[in-house]
PDB file of N, CA and C in Angstrom:
ATOM      1  N   UNK A   1       0.998  -1.287   0.098  1.00  0.00           N
ATOM      2  CA  UNK A   1      -0.086   0.266  -0.083  1.00  0.00           C
ATOM      3  C   UNK A   1       0.733   1.321   0.148  1.00  0.00           C
ATOM      4  N   UNK A   2       0.339   2.164  -0.860  1.00  0.00           N
ATOM      5  CA  UNK A   2       1.213   3.609  -0.663  1.00  0.00           C
ATOM      6  C   UNK A   2       0.414   4.528   0.017  1.00  0.00           C
ATOM      7  N   UNK A   3       0.842   5.704   0.106  1.00  0.00           N
ATOM      8  CA  UNK A   3       0.361   6.740   0.911  1.00  0.00           C
ATOM      9  C   UNK A   3      -0.926   7.417   0.028  1.00  0.00           C
ATOM     10  N   UNK A   4      -0.784   7.403  -1.205  1.00  0.00           N
ATOM     11  CA  UNK A   4      -1.918   7.840  -1.901  1.00  0.00           C
ATOM     12  C   UNK A   4      -3.005   6.903  -2.114  1.00  0.00           C
ATOM     13  N   UNK A   5      -2.950   5.923  -1.694  1.00  0.00           N
ATOM     14  CA  UNK A   5      -4.120   5.060  -1.599  1.00  0.00           C
ATOM     15  C   UNK A   5      -4.795   5.057  -0.427  1.00  0.00           C
ATOM     16  N   UNK A   6      -4.300   5.378   0.583  1.00  0.00           N
ATOM     17  CA  UNK A   6      -4.713   5.728   2.000  1.00  0.00           C
ATOM     18  C   UNK A   6      -5.215   7.088   2.015  1.00  0.00           C
ATOM     19  N   UNK A   7      -4.668   7.929   1.335  1.00  0.00           N
ATOM     20  CA  UNK A   7      -5.378   9.297   1.199  1.00  0.00           C
ATOM     21  C   UNK A   7      -6.519   9.330   0.540  1.00  0.00           C
ATOM     22  N   UNK A   8      -6.826   8.639  -0.775  1.00  0.00           N
ATOM     23  CA  UNK A   8      -7.584   8.271  -1.480  1.00  0.00           C
ATOM     24  C   UNK A   8      -8.981   7.840  -0.726  1.00  0.00           C
ATOM     25  N   UNK A   9      -8.610   6.757   0.095  1.00  0.00           N
ATOM     26  CA  UNK A   9      -9.711   5.832   1.196  1.00  0.00           C
ATOM     27  C   UNK A   9     -10.021   6.960   2.072  1.00  0.00           C
ATOM     28  N   UNK A  10      -9.627   7.701   2.555  1.00  0.00           N
ATOM     29  CA  UNK A  10      -9.894   8.471   3.815  1.00  0.00           C
ATOM     30  C   UNK A  10     -10.508   9.782   3.103  1.00  0.00           C
ATOM     31  N   UNK A  11     -10.278  10.139   2.031  1.00  0.00           N
ATOM     32  CA  UNK A  11     -10.758  11.197   1.493  1.00  0.00           C
ATOM     33  C   UNK A  11     -12.345  10.902   0.960  1.00  0.00           C
ATOM     34  N   UNK A  12     -12.442   9.733   0.661  1.00  0.00           N
ATOM     35  CA  UNK A  12     -13.924   9.114   0.213  1.00  0.00           C
ATOM     36  C   UNK A  12     -14.577   8.846   1.180  1.00  0.00           C
ATOM     37  N   UNK A  13     -13.992   8.218   2.187  1.00  0.00           N
ATOM     38  CA  UNK A  13     -15.209   7.802   3.269  1.00  0.00           C
ATOM     39  C   UNK A  13     -14.682   8.887   4.400  1.00  0.00           C
ATOM     40  N   UNK A  14     -14.240   9.683   4.809  1.00  0.00           N
ATOM     41  CA  UNK A  14     -14.348  10.952   5.418  1.00  0.00           C
ATOM     42  C   UNK A  14     -13.841  10.427   7.226  1.00  0.00           C
ATOM     43  N   UNK A  15     -14.305   9.566   7.623  1.00  0.00           N
ATOM     44  CA  UNK A  15     -14.017   9.071   9.130  1.00  0.00           C
ATOM     45  C   UNK A  15     -14.166   7.709   8.830  1.00  0.00           C
ATOM     46  N   UNK A  16     -12.985   7.097   9.345  1.00  0.00           N
ATOM     47  CA  UNK A  16     -12.343   5.603   9.406  1.00  0.00           C
ATOM     48  C   UNK A  16     -11.852   4.979  10.707  1.00  0.00           C
ATOM     49  N   UNK A  17     -12.401   4.210  11.023  1.00  0.00           N
ATOM     50  CA  UNK A  17     -11.464   3.379  12.371  1.00  0.00           C
ATOM     51  C   UNK A  17     -10.150   3.019  11.820  1.00  0.00           C
ATOM     52  N   UNK A  18      -9.197   3.081  12.605  1.00  0.00           N
ATOM     53  CA  UNK A  18      -7.913   2.287  12.375  1.00  0.00           C
ATOM     54  C   UNK A  18      -7.836   0.766  12.056  1.00  0.00           C
ATOM     55  N   UNK A  19      -8.732   0.177  12.723  1.00  0.00           N
ATOM     56  CA  UNK A  19      -8.876  -1.294  12.548  1.00  0.00           C
ATOM     57  C   UNK A  19      -9.760  -1.700  11.228  1.00  0.00           C
ATOM     58  N   UNK A  20     -10.547  -0.807  10.864  1.00  0.00           N
ATOM     59  CA  UNK A  20     -11.320  -0.729   9.975  1.00  0.00           C
ATOM     60  C   UNK A  20     -10.145  -0.884   8.449  1.00  0.00           C
ATOM     61  N   UNK A  21      -9.014   0.336   8.467  1.00  0.00           N
ATOM     62  CA  UNK A  21      -8.271   0.770   7.659  1.00  0.00           C
ATOM     63  C   UNK A  21      -7.370  -0.629   7.738  1.00  0.00           C
ATOM     64  N   UNK A  22      -6.809  -1.283   9.132  1.00  0.00           N
ATOM     65  CA  UNK A  22      -5.997  -2.413   8.817  1.00  0.00           C
ATOM     66  C   UNK A  22      -6.520  -3.510   8.172  1.00  0.00           C
ATOM     67  N   UNK A  23      -7.966  -4.028   8.392  1.00  0.00           N
ATOM     68  CA  UNK A  23      -8.945  -4.716   7.752  1.00  0.00           C
ATOM     69  C   UNK A  23      -8.825  -4.466   6.175  1.00  0.00           C
ATOM     70  N   UNK A  24      -8.938  -3.358   5.707  1.00  0.00           N
ATOM     71  CA  UNK A  24      -9.151  -2.901   4.263  1.00  0.00           C
ATOM     72  C   UNK A  24      -7.707  -3.083   3.468  1.00  0.00           C
ATOM     73  N   UNK A  25      -6.611  -2.542   4.179  1.00  0.00           N
ATOM     74  CA  UNK A  25      -5.222  -2.341   3.571  1.00  0.00           C
ATOM     75  C   UNK A  25      -4.541  -3.829   3.869  1.00  0.00           C
ATOM     76  N   UNK A  26      -5.060  -4.709   4.592  1.00  0.00           N
ATOM     77  CA  UNK A  26      -4.029  -5.877   4.970  1.00  0.00           C
ATOM     78  C   UNK A  26      -3.143  -5.692   5.671  1.00  0.00           C
ATOM     79  N   UNK A  27      -3.207  -4.603   6.242  1.00  0.00           N
ATOM     80  CA  UNK A  27      -1.779  -3.924   7.093  1.00  0.00           C
ATOM     81  C   UNK A  27      -1.687  -3.874   8.536  1.00  0.00           C
ATOM     82  N   UNK A  28      -0.644  -3.845   9.415  1.00  0.00           N
ATOM     83  CA  UNK A  28      -0.972  -3.946  10.795  1.00  0.00           C
ATOM     84  C   UNK A  28      -0.881  -2.214  11.155  1.00  0.00           C
ATOM     85  N   UNK A  29      -1.836  -2.263  12.202  1.00  0.00           N
ATOM     86  CA  UNK A  29      -2.061  -1.041  12.769  1.00  0.00           C
ATOM     87  C   UNK A  29      -1.077   0.151  13.024  1.00  0.00           C
ATOM     88  N   UNK A  30      -0.180  -0.779  13.330  1.00  0.00           N
ATOM     89  CA  UNK A  30       1.463   0.302  13.814  1.00  0.00           C
ATOM     90  C   UNK A  30       1.835   0.798  12.405  1.00  0.00           C
ATOM     91  N   UNK A  31       1.625  -0.114  11.357  1.00  0.00           N
ATOM     92  CA  UNK A  31       2.246   0.693   9.895  1.00  0.00           C
ATOM     93  C   UNK A  31       1.551   1.688   9.563  1.00  0.00           C
ATOM     94  N   UNK A  32       0.387   1.641   9.794  1.00  0.00           N
ATOM     95  CA  UNK A  32      -1.101   2.377   9.403  1.00  0.00           C
ATOM     96  C   UNK A  32      -0.480   3.573  10.035  1.00  0.00           C
ATOM     97  N   UNK A  33      -0.363   3.541  11.565  1.00  0.00           N
ATOM     98  CA  UNK A  33      -0.306   4.836  12.230  1.00  0.00           C
ATOM     99  C   UNK A  33       1.136   5.551  11.643  1.00  0.00           C
ATOM    100  N   UNK A  34       1.963   4.999  11.043  1.00  0.00           N
ATOM    101  CA  UNK A  34       3.297   5.486  10.521  1.00  0.00           C
ATOM    102  C   UNK A  34       2.598   6.713   9.517  1.00  0.00           C
ATOM    103  N   UNK A  35       1.940   6.061   8.852  1.00  0.00           N
ATOM    104  CA  UNK A  35       1.446   6.864   7.311  1.00  0.00           C
ATOM    105  C   UNK A  35       0.369   8.141   7.972  1.00  0.00           C
ATOM    106  N   UNK A  36      -0.056   7.415   8.961  1.00  0.00           N
ATOM    107  CA  UNK A  36      -1.303   8.487   9.518  1.00  0.00           C
ATOM    108  C   UNK A  36      -0.567   9.546   9.813  1.00  0.00           C
ATOM    109  N   UNK A  37       0.538   9.317  10.787  1.00  0.00           N
ATOM    110  CA  UNK A  37       1.029  10.530  11.158  1.00  0.00           C
ATOM    111  C   UNK A  37       1.722  11.292  10.041  1.00  0.00           C
ATOM    112  N   UNK A  38       2.308  11.030   9.237  1.00  0.00           N
ATOM    113  CA  UNK A  38       2.533  11.666   7.991  1.00  0.00           C
ATOM    114  C   UNK A  38       1.530  12.710   7.551  1.00  0.00           C
ATOM    115  N   UNK A  39       0.372  12.297   7.611  1.00  0.00           N
ATOM    116  CA  UNK A  39      -0.842  12.909   6.896  1.00  0.00           C
ATOM    117  C   UNK A  39      -1.394  14.039   8.426  1.00  0.00           C
ATOM    118  N   UNK A  40      -1.078  13.410   9.576  1.00  0.00           N
ATOM    119  CA  UNK A  40      -1.502  14.372  10.435  1.00  0.00           C
ATOM    120  C   UNK A  40      -0.756  15.726  10.289  1.00  0.00           C
ATOM    121  N   UNK A  41       0.588  15.430  10.652  1.00  0.00           N
ATOM    122  CA  UNK A  41       1.620  16.625  10.213  1.00  0.00           C
ATOM    123  C   UNK A  41       1.412  17.504   8.921  1.00  0.00           C
ATOM    124  N   UNK A  42       0.746  16.726   7.815  1.00  0.00           N
ATOM    125  CA  UNK A  42       0.090  17.735   6.995  1.00  0.00           C
ATOM    126  C   UNK A  42      -0.965  18.280   7.016  1.00  0.00           C
ATOM    127  N   UNK A  43      -1.582  18.220   7.879  1.00  0.00           N
ATOM    128  CA  UNK A  43      -3.146  18.820   8.044  1.00  0.00           C
ATOM    129  C   UNK A  43      -3.788  18.104   7.252  1.00  0.00           C
ATOM    130  N   UNK A  44      -3.612  17.318   6.889  1.00  0.00           N
ATOM    131  CA  UNK A  44      -4.783  16.167   6.134  1.00  0.00           C
ATOM    132  C   UNK A  44      -5.657  15.317   6.956  1.00  0.00           C
ATOM    133  N   UNK A  45      -5.359  14.911   7.966  1.00  0.00           N
ATOM    134  CA  UNK A  45      -6.152  14.099   8.667  1.00  0.00           C
ATOM    135  C   UNK A  45      -6.122  14.751  10.103  1.00  0.00           C
ATOM    136  N   UNK A  46      -6.995  14.145  10.923  1.00  0.00           N
ATOM    137  CA  UNK A  46      -6.725  14.349  12.437  1.00  0.00           C
ATOM    138  C   UNK A  46      -7.194  12.695  13.369  1.00  0.00           C
ATOM    139  N   UNK A  47      -6.653  12.483  14.215  1.00  0.00           N
ATOM    140  CA  UNK A  47      -6.857  11.428  15.069  1.00  0.00           C
ATOM    141  C   UNK A  47      -8.115  11.621  15.951  1.00  0.00           C
ATOM    142  N   UNK A  48      -9.051  10.524  16.259  1.00  0.00           N
ATOM    143  CA  UNK A  48     -10.004  10.865  17.530  1.00  0.00           C
ATOM    144  C   UNK A  48      -9.963   9.879  17.887  1.00  0.00           C
ATOM    145  N   UNK A  49      -9.600   9.562  19.185  1.00  0.00           N
ATOM    146  CA  UNK A  49      -9.520   8.494  20.130  1.00  0.00           C
ATOM    147  C   UNK A  49     -10.524   8.408  21.311  1.00  0.00           C
ATOM    148  N   UNK A  50     -10.752   7.268  21.820  1.00  0.00           N
ATOM    149  CA  UNK A  50     -11.149   7.101  22.922  1.00  0.00           C
ATOM    150  C   UNK A  50     -12.858   6.887  22.416  1.00  0.00           C
ATOM    151  N   UNK A  51     -13.826   7.694  23.433  1.00  0.00           N
ATOM    152  CA  UNK A  51     -15.090   7.305  23.011  1.00  0.00           C
ATOM    153  C   UNK A  51     -15.694   7.975  21.853  1.00  0.00           C
ATOM    154  N   UNK A  52     -14.997   8.781  21.124  1.00  0.00           N
ATOM    155  CA  UNK A  52     -15.596   8.988  19.992  1.00  0.00           C
ATOM    156  C   UNK A  52     -15.823   8.017  18.832  1.00  0.00           C
ATOM    157  N   UNK A  53     -15.111   6.997  19.013  1.00  0.00           N
ATOM    158  CA  UNK A  53     -15.195   5.789  18.235  1.00  0.00           C
ATOM    159  C   UNK A  53     -16.355   4.957  18.763  1.00  0.00           C
ATOM    160  N   UNK A  54     -16.930   5.073  19.758  1.00  0.00           N
ATOM    161  CA  UNK A  54     -17.728   4.120  20.526  1.00  0.00           C
ATOM    162  C   UNK A  54     -19.006   5.010  21.360  1.00  0.00           C
ATOM    163  N   UNK A  55     -19.996   4.376  20.818  1.00  0.00           N
ATOM    164  CA  UNK A  55     -21.061   4.973  21.788  1.00  0.00           C
ATOM    165  C   UNK A  55     -21.930   4.505  22.808  1.00  0.00           C
ATOM    166  N   UNK A  56     -21.157   3.327  23.274  1.00  0.00           N
ATOM    167  CA  UNK A  56     -21.510   2.873  24.417  1.00  0.00           C
ATOM    168  C   UNK A  56     -21.741   3.732  25.597  1.00  0.00           C
ATOM    169  N   UNK A  57     -20.409   4.501  25.642  1.00  0.00           N
ATOM    170  CA  UNK A  57     -20.252   4.957  27.068  1.00  0.00           C
ATOM    171  C   UNK A  57     -19.801   4.132  28.256  1.00  0.00           C
ATOM    172  N   UNK A  58     -19.510   2.794  27.985  1.00  0.00           N
ATOM    173  CA  UNK A  58     -18.937   2.070  28.865  1.00  0.00           C
ATOM    174  C   UNK A  58     -17.580   2.050  29.670  1.00  0.00           C
ATOM    175  N   UNK A  59     -16.961   2.810  28.551  1.00  0.00           N
ATOM    176  CA  UNK A  59     -15.399   2.527  28.777  1.00  0.00           C
ATOM    177  C   UNK A  59     -14.350   1.448  28.782  1.00  0.00           C
ATOM    178  N   UNK A  60     -15.378   0.112  28.336  1.00  0.00           N
ATOM    179  CA  UNK A  60     -14.412  -0.858  28.566  1.00  0.00           C
ATOM    180  C   UNK A  60     -13.672  -1.374  27.073  1.00  0.00           C
ATOM    181  N   UNK A  61     -13.863  -0.583  26.285  1.00  0.00           N
ATOM    182  CA  UNK A  61     -13.425  -0.753  24.698  1.00  0.00           C
ATOM    183  C   UNK A  61     -11.610  -0.569  24.987  1.00  0.00           C
ATOM    184  N   UNK A  62     -11.028  -1.465  24.209  1.00  0.00           N
ATOM    185  CA  UNK A  62      -9.625  -0.803  24.145  1.00  0.00           C
ATOM    186  C   UNK A  62      -9.270   0.087  23.286  1.00  0.00           C
ATOM    187  N   UNK A  63      -8.662   1.736  23.735  1.00  0.00           N
ATOM    188  CA  UNK A  63      -8.552   2.546  22.821  1.00  0.00           C
ATOM    189  C   UNK A  63      -8.114   2.279  21.447  1.00  0.00           C
ATOM    190  N   UNK A  64      -7.214   1.111  21.162  1.00  0.00           N
ATOM    191  CA  UNK A  64      -6.533   1.040  19.897  1.00  0.00           C
ATOM    192  C   UNK A  64      -7.961   0.779  19.160  1.00  0.00           C
ATOM    193  N   UNK A  65      -8.727  -0.118  19.441  1.00  0.00           N
ATOM    194  CA  UNK A  65     -10.038  -0.262  18.889  1.00  0.00           C
ATOM    195  C   UNK A  65     -11.108   0.380  18.458  1.00  0.00           C
ATOM    196  N   UNK A  66     -10.881   1.881  18.786  1.00  0.00           N
ATOM    197  CA  UNK A  66     -11.966   2.885  18.915  1.00  0.00           C
ATOM    198  C   UNK A  66     -11.126   4.241  17.799  1.00  0.00           C
ATOM    199  N   UNK A  67      -9.981   3.818  17.713  1.00  0.00           N
ATOM    200  CA  UNK A  67      -8.975   4.679  17.591  1.00  0.00           C
ATOM    201  C   UNK A  67      -9.600   5.297  15.752  1.00  0.00           C
ATOM    202  N   UNK A  68      -9.766   6.461  15.768  1.00  0.00           N
ATOM    203  CA  UNK A  68     -10.652   6.620  14.328  1.00  0.00           C
ATOM    204  C   UNK A  68      -9.751   8.077  13.621  1.00  0.00           C
ATOM    205  N   UNK A  69      -9.618   8.030  12.246  1.00  0.00           N
ATOM    206  CA  UNK A  69      -9.196   9.116  11.574  1.00  0.00           C
ATOM    207  C   UNK A  69     -10.012   9.757  10.624  1.00  0.00           C
ATOM    208  N   UNK A  70     -10.090  10.911  10.674  1.00  0.00           N
ATOM    209  CA  UNK A  70     -10.844  11.954   9.892  1.00  0.00           C
ATOM    210  C   UNK A  70     -10.314  12.705   8.919  1.00  0.00           C
ATOM    211  N   UNK A  71     -10.653  12.836   7.787  1.00  0.00           N
ATOM    212  CA  UNK A  71     -10.073  13.608   6.384  1.00  0.00           C
ATOM    213  C   UNK A  71     -10.638  15.056   7.065  1.00  0.00           C
ATOM    214  N   UNK A  72      -9.529  15.662   6.997  1.00  0.00           N
ATOM    215  CA  UNK A  72      -9.647  17.485   7.061  1.00  0.00           C
ATOM    216  C   UNK A  72      -9.029  17.756   6.026  1.00  0.00           C
ATOM    217  N   UNK A  73      -8.604  17.378   4.832  1.00  0.00           N
ATOM    218  CA  UNK A  73      -7.749  18.205   4.087  1.00  0.00           C
ATOM    219  C   UNK A  73      -8.771  18.548   2.695  1.00  0.00           C
ATOM    220  N   UNK A  74      -8.288  18.778   1.885  1.00  0.00           N
ATOM    221  CA  UNK A  74      -8.888  19.251   0.504  1.00  0.00           C
ATOM    222  C   UNK A  74     -10.288  18.628   0.473  1.00  0.00           C
ATOM    223  N   UNK A  75     -11.287  19.201   0.039  1.00  0.00           N
ATOM    224  CA  UNK A  75     -12.790  18.893  -0.063  1.00  0.00           C
ATOM    225  C   UNK A  75     -13.154  18.466   0.955  1.00  0.00           C
ATOM    226  N   UNK A  76     -12.787  18.447   2.608  1.00  0.00           N
ATOM    227  CA  UNK A  76     -13.345  17.887   3.885  1.00  0.00           C
ATOM    228  C   UNK A  76     -14.533  19.034   3.919  1.00  0.00           C
ATOM    229  N   UNK A  77     -15.657  18.467   4.467  1.00  0.00           N
ATOM    230  CA  UNK A  77     -16.898  19.338   4.317  1.00  0.00           C
ATOM    231  C   UNK A  77     -16.697  19.907   6.042  1.00  0.00           C
ATOM    232  N   UNK A  78     -16.923  21.056   6.048  1.00  0.00           N
ATOM    233  CA  UNK A  78     -16.735  21.731   7.369  1.00  0.00           C
ATOM    234  C   UNK A  78     -18.304  21.865   7.899  1.00  0.00           C
ATOM    235  N   UNK A  79     -18.314  21.647   9.168  1.00  0.00           N
ATOM    236  CA  UNK A  79     -19.507  21.529   9.986  1.00  0.00           C
ATOM    237  C   UNK A  79     -19.630  23.477  10.528  1.00  0.00           C
ATOM    238  N   UNK A  80     -20.866  23.553  10.639  1.00  0.00           N
ATOM    239  CA  UNK A  80     -21.310  24.810  11.029  1.00  0.00           C
ATOM    240  C   UNK A  80     -22.041  24.642  12.198  1.00  0.00           C
TER     241      UNK A  80
END
């Protein structure tokens, strides 16, 4: 997988969980985090952790399973 594939997927889907990305790209979460960090530094994605990815509110989820990335680069919708 190359960075442009990851960028395209995030741009299309807007908000995606790390585990979903790992499954989609058949890659380890740690390898994806490295690429996502590059996109974060460029201001194209932002990381959302914790309860933002889980709506149950029980706080029992492993934080890695609810780590979500949101596309904020070109073409991103802005909320008013």
